[in-house]
């Protein structure tokens, strides 16, 4: 006699959430950044040719996930209009940072901007990239940049 054949029935409850891939827009809003610095800074260029201004870059993880973050300070404004208005300055010290932020974590990064002339400058040059820590991607998504961060350097 042949053994009795039993049919197996597979089922999935209808309300099982399928993990959705985040959209590019969601990925570009993982990290919110804000720069904290004085609106204007007085410096005697006659006594000391380099003017150093402390700047704080605040990074906020807006997601519920762990996020890998890369900060690149080497980006320069190259458009002629921007250089006419703002001129050029340099970030001192380390130019790249890699860190990991937990869900909803806020991280404060201390930076130093270096100026050699008086003028109005845009400090909003750091580029921030982020990706979900558990995702295997070759590149991070560029995070949306905030408004220009203008500082006035005065000679005293």
Protein backbone atom coordinates (compact mmCIF):
# COMPACT_ATOMS: atom_id res chain seq x y z
CA UNK A 1 0.00 0.00 0.00
CA UNK A 2 1.13 3.58 -0.75
CA UNK A 3 1.61 5.92 2.22
CA UNK A 4 -1.10 8.55 2.51
CA UNK A 5 -0.14 11.92 0.98
CA UNK A 6 -0.74 14.92 3.19
CA UNK A 7 -0.99 18.36 1.60
CA UNK A 8 0.83 21.13 3.43
CA UNK A 9 -0.81 24.51 3.49
CA UNK A 10 1.34 27.61 3.88
CA UNK A 11 -0.24 30.86 4.93
CA UNK A 12 0.84 34.32 5.94
CA UNK A 13 -1.34 36.56 8.06
CA UNK A 14 -2.43 39.57 5.99
CA UNK A 15 -1.30 42.12 8.54
CA UNK A 16 2.36 41.06 8.56
CA UNK A 17 4.34 44.23 7.79
CA UNK A 18 6.77 43.90 4.92
CA UNK A 19 9.91 45.88 5.75
CA UNK A 20 9.89 48.86 3.42
CA UNK A 21 13.06 50.28 1.98
CA UNK A 22 13.43 53.92 2.97
CA UNK A 23 12.91 56.36 0.12
CA UNK A 24 15.84 58.54 -1.03
CA UNK A 25 14.09 61.50 0.56
CA UNK A 26 13.86 59.70 3.91
CA UNK A 27 17.53 58.71 3.63
CA UNK A 28 18.53 62.32 2.99
CA UNK A 29 16.76 63.42 6.17
CA UNK A 30 18.27 60.95 8.65
CA UNK A 31 20.56 63.56 10.19
CA UNK A 32 19.70 67.20 10.89
CA UNK A 33 22.66 69.52 11.26
CA UNK A 34 23.01 72.95 12.79
CA UNK A 35 26.03 75.18 13.23
CA UNK A 36 26.50 77.25 16.38
CA UNK A 37 28.91 80.18 16.21
CA UNK A 38 29.00 83.92 16.98
CA UNK A 39 27.19 86.13 14.43
CA UNK A 40 30.21 88.41 14.35
CA UNK A 41 33.74 88.04 15.66
CA UNK A 42 36.23 90.81 16.45
CA UNK A 43 39.91 90.13 15.86
CA UNK A 44 43.07 92.23 15.64
CA UNK A 45 44.70 91.11 12.40
CA UNK A 46 47.60 93.53 13.12
CA UNK A 47 48.56 91.59 16.27
CA UNK A 48 47.85 88.11 14.93
CA UNK A 49 47.39 87.29 11.25
CA UNK A 50 45.16 84.23 11.81
CA UNK A 51 41.71 84.58 13.32
CA UNK A 52 40.40 81.34 14.88
CA UNK A 53 36.70 81.02 15.65
CA UNK A 54 35.21 78.08 17.58
CA UNK A 55 32.23 76.51 15.78
CA UNK A 56 29.98 73.72 17.03
CA UNK A 57 28.40 71.34 14.52
CA UNK A 58 25.34 69.72 16.10
CA UNK A 59 24.20 66.44 14.52
CA UNK A 60 20.77 65.04 15.40
CA UNK A 61 19.69 61.54 14.41
CA UNK A 62 16.03 62.00 13.46
CA UNK A 63 15.39 58.29 12.95
CA UNK A 64 14.62 55.36 15.21
CA UNK A 65 17.60 53.47 13.75
CA UNK A 66 21.35 53.48 14.33
CA UNK A 67 22.97 55.67 11.66
CA UNK A 68 26.54 55.78 10.34
CA UNK A 69 27.60 59.37 9.70
CA UNK A 70 30.51 60.80 7.71
CA UNK A 71 31.39 64.50 7.87
CA UNK A 72 33.64 66.02 5.21
CA UNK A 73 35.07 69.49 5.84
CA UNK A 74 37.17 69.59 2.66
CA UNK A 75 34.30 70.88 0.51
CA UNK A 76 34.90 74.40 -0.73
CA UNK A 77 32.47 76.88 -2.22
CA UNK A 78 33.68 77.32 -5.77
CA UNK A 79 30.94 79.38 -7.41
CA UNK A 80 32.34 82.84 -8.33
CA UNK A 81 29.34 84.70 -6.82
CA UNK A 82 29.78 82.95 -3.48
CA UNK A 83 33.50 83.73 -3.38
CA UNK A 84 32.85 87.41 -4.23
CA UNK A 85 30.46 87.75 -1.32
CA UNK A 86 31.96 85.43 1.25
CA UNK A 87 35.60 84.83 0.45
CA UNK A 88 37.41 81.71 1.53
CA UNK A 89 38.33 80.29 4.93
CA UNK A 90 39.80 77.04 6.24
CA UNK A 91 38.69 74.48 8.79
CA UNK A 92 41.61 73.67 11.11
CA UNK A 93 42.46 70.16 12.26
CA UNK A 94 40.82 66.93 11.18
CA UNK A 95 38.96 67.20 7.86
CA UNK A 96 36.89 63.99 7.96
CA UNK A 97 34.94 62.37 10.77
CA UNK A 98 33.16 59.01 10.90
CA UNK A 99 30.79 58.29 13.74
CA UNK A 100 27.70 56.31 14.63
CA UNK A 101 24.62 57.86 16.20
CA UNK A 102 22.05 55.84 18.12
CA UNK A 103 18.33 56.38 17.66
CA UNK A 104 17.41 60.04 18.40
CA UNK A 105 21.00 60.78 19.58
CA UNK A 106 22.40 64.31 19.37
CA UNK A 107 26.16 64.68 18.91
CA UNK A 108 28.19 67.86 19.27
CA UNK A 109 31.36 68.23 17.18
CA UNK A 110 33.79 71.05 18.07
CA UNK A 111 35.41 72.69 15.02
CA UNK A 112 37.70 75.66 14.42
CA UNK A 113 37.36 78.03 11.46
CA UNK A 114 40.44 80.01 10.40
CA UNK A 115 40.21 83.41 8.66
CA UNK A 116 42.98 85.63 7.27
CA UNK A 117 40.85 88.67 6.27
CA UNK A 118 37.86 90.62 7.50
CA UNK A 119 34.60 89.96 5.68
CA UNK A 120 31.40 87.96 5.57
CA UNK A 121 31.85 84.19 5.32
CA UNK A 122 29.51 81.23 4.89
CA UNK A 123 30.35 78.51 7.45
CA UNK A 124 27.78 76.16 5.92
CA UNK A 125 30.37 74.15 3.96
CA UNK A 126 30.56 70.85 5.93
CA UNK A 127 29.04 68.01 3.92
CA UNK A 128 27.27 65.35 5.96
CA UNK A 129 26.56 61.86 4.63
CA UNK A 130 24.57 59.16 6.42
CA UNK A 131 23.32 55.62 6.01
CA UNK A 132 21.43 53.18 8.18
CA UNK A 133 24.04 51.17 10.08
CA UNK A 134 22.47 47.82 9.21
CA UNK A 135 22.36 48.54 5.47
CA UNK A 136 25.14 47.30 3.25
CA UNK A 137 25.54 50.17 0.80
CA UNK A 138 28.68 51.38 -0.87
CA UNK A 139 27.93 55.03 -0.30
CA UNK A 140 26.10 57.17 2.18
CA UNK A 141 23.27 59.51 1.22
CA UNK A 142 24.09 63.21 1.29
CA UNK A 143 22.08 64.92 4.02
CA UNK A 144 20.09 68.01 3.16
CA UNK A 145 22.08 71.11 3.91
CA UNK A 146 20.60 73.90 5.95
CA UNK A 147 20.58 77.58 5.06
CA UNK A 148 23.85 79.50 4.65
CA UNK A 149 25.57 80.13 7.98
CA UNK A 150 26.99 83.64 7.72
CA UNK A 151 29.59 85.07 10.08
CA UNK A 152 31.09 88.58 10.03
CA UNK A 153 34.80 88.88 10.83
CA UNK A 154 35.77 92.39 12.01
CA UNK A 155 39.21 93.93 12.49
CA UNK A 156 39.71 95.80 15.76
